[in-house]
N, C-alpha and C. Protein backbone atom coordinates (compact mmCIF):
# COMPACT_ATOMS: atom_id res chain seq x y z
N MET A 1 -14.69 -39.91 -4.16
CA MET A 1 -14.29 -39.02 -5.23
C MET A 1 -13.94 -37.93 -3.78
N GLU A 2 -15.20 -38.17 -3.17
CA GLU A 2 -15.37 -36.86 -2.21
C GLU A 2 -14.45 -36.58 -1.53
N GLY A 3 -13.58 -37.45 -0.91
CA GLY A 3 -12.28 -37.10 -0.33
C GLY A 3 -11.20 -36.57 -1.23
N MET A 4 -11.11 -36.41 -2.25
CA MET A 4 -10.16 -35.75 -3.44
C MET A 4 -10.75 -34.11 -3.32
N GLU A 5 -11.94 -34.16 -3.53
CA GLU A 5 -12.89 -32.31 -3.08
C GLU A 5 -12.20 -31.96 -2.30
N MET A 6 -12.36 -32.83 -1.48
CA MET A 6 -12.16 -31.96 0.17
C MET A 6 -10.45 -31.48 0.05
N THR A 7 -10.10 -32.38 -0.27
CA THR A 7 -8.11 -31.94 -0.48
C THR A 7 -8.35 -31.21 -0.95
N CYS A 8 -9.29 -31.24 -2.40
CA CYS A 8 -8.21 -29.28 -3.53
C CYS A 8 -9.22 -28.96 -2.47
N PHE A 9 -10.46 -28.80 -2.15
CA PHE A 9 -10.68 -27.29 -1.47
C PHE A 9 -9.64 -26.97 -0.38
N GLU A 10 -9.59 -27.54 0.07
CA GLU A 10 -8.95 -27.14 1.28
C GLU A 10 -7.59 -26.62 0.77
N ILE A 11 -6.70 -26.82 -0.29
CA ILE A 11 -5.78 -26.46 -1.15
C ILE A 11 -6.02 -24.98 -1.59
N VAL A 12 -6.98 -25.09 -1.94
CA VAL A 12 -7.57 -23.51 -2.66
C VAL A 12 -7.80 -22.46 -1.58
N SER A 13 -8.12 -23.16 -0.32
CA SER A 13 -8.37 -21.97 0.71
C SER A 13 -7.27 -21.61 1.38
N ASN A 14 -6.17 -22.54 1.49
CA ASN A 14 -5.02 -22.50 2.30
C ASN A 14 -4.13 -21.03 1.50
N VAL A 15 -4.43 -21.14 0.07
CA VAL A 15 -3.42 -20.62 -0.73
C VAL A 15 -4.41 -19.04 -0.69
N GLY A 16 -5.29 -19.44 -0.65
CA GLY A 16 -5.88 -18.02 -0.47
C GLY A 16 -5.70 -17.03 1.01
N THR A 17 -5.94 -17.97 2.13
CA THR A 17 -4.95 -17.55 2.58
C THR A 17 -3.69 -16.90 2.76
N ALA A 18 -2.95 -17.63 2.90
CA ALA A 18 -1.49 -17.23 2.95
C ALA A 18 -1.31 -16.23 1.62
N ARG A 19 -2.28 -16.07 0.56
CA ARG A 19 -2.06 -15.27 -0.27
C ARG A 19 -2.17 -13.52 0.48
N GLY A 20 -3.52 -13.55 1.48
CA GLY A 20 -4.23 -13.31 1.86
C GLY A 20 -2.57 -12.15 3.15
N CYS A 21 -2.07 -13.32 3.83
CA CYS A 21 -1.17 -12.96 4.57
C CYS A 21 -0.12 -11.84 4.20
N TYR A 22 0.00 -12.58 2.38
CA TYR A 22 1.20 -11.82 1.88
C TYR A 22 0.77 -10.66 1.31
N VAL A 23 -0.34 -10.17 1.52
CA VAL A 23 -0.78 -9.11 0.93
C VAL A 23 -1.01 -7.87 2.37
N GLU A 24 -1.52 -8.92 3.31
CA GLU A 24 -1.14 -7.87 4.49
C GLU A 24 0.09 -7.37 4.99
N ALA A 25 1.62 -8.46 4.75
CA ALA A 25 2.80 -8.45 5.33
C ALA A 25 3.07 -7.18 3.86
N ILE A 26 3.24 -7.03 2.76
CA ILE A 26 3.50 -6.27 2.30
C ILE A 26 2.84 -4.87 2.04
N ASP A 27 1.27 -4.53 2.71
CA ASP A 27 0.76 -3.36 3.20
C ASP A 27 1.58 -3.18 4.39
N LEU A 28 2.15 -3.85 5.41
CA LEU A 28 2.86 -3.21 6.97
C LEU A 28 4.33 -2.37 6.42
N ALA A 29 4.37 -3.51 5.53
CA ALA A 29 5.85 -3.23 5.22
C ALA A 29 5.98 -1.42 4.52
N THR A 30 4.74 -1.10 3.63
CA THR A 30 5.00 -0.25 3.10
C THR A 30 4.92 0.75 3.94
N GLU A 31 4.30 0.54 4.85
CA GLU A 31 4.28 1.58 6.08
C GLU A 31 5.42 1.48 7.22
N GLY A 32 5.96 1.08 6.71
CA GLY A 32 7.42 0.99 7.69
C GLY A 32 6.76 0.20 8.98
N ASN A 33 5.80 -0.11 8.89
CA ASN A 33 5.56 -1.61 9.97
C ASN A 33 6.39 -3.09 10.07
N PHE A 34 8.03 -2.80 10.37
CA PHE A 34 8.45 -4.26 9.90
C PHE A 34 8.66 -5.31 10.81
N GLU A 35 8.08 -4.35 12.11
CA GLU A 35 8.11 -5.60 13.65
C GLU A 35 6.84 -6.57 12.98
N GLU A 36 5.66 -5.99 12.69
CA GLU A 36 4.64 -6.38 12.66
C GLU A 36 4.85 -7.37 11.27
N THR A 37 5.63 -7.17 10.48
CA THR A 37 5.63 -7.68 8.93
C THR A 37 6.17 -8.99 9.17
N GLU A 38 7.53 -8.72 10.18
CA GLU A 38 8.17 -10.15 10.64
C GLU A 38 7.18 -11.24 10.93
N LYS A 39 6.13 -10.70 11.79
CA LYS A 39 5.18 -11.75 11.99
C LYS A 39 4.21 -12.36 11.35
N LYS A 40 4.15 -11.90 10.30
CA LYS A 40 2.96 -12.02 9.23
C LYS A 40 3.92 -13.04 8.50
């Protein structure tokens, strides 16, 4: 079961990271910084 728990943790971690990047990209786009938005 330890392997399954680690896999679940990695999924949750990756989703959190993706959400953070999404929010940063939205903030950059709102500021008009589209070049940096594209990088996110």
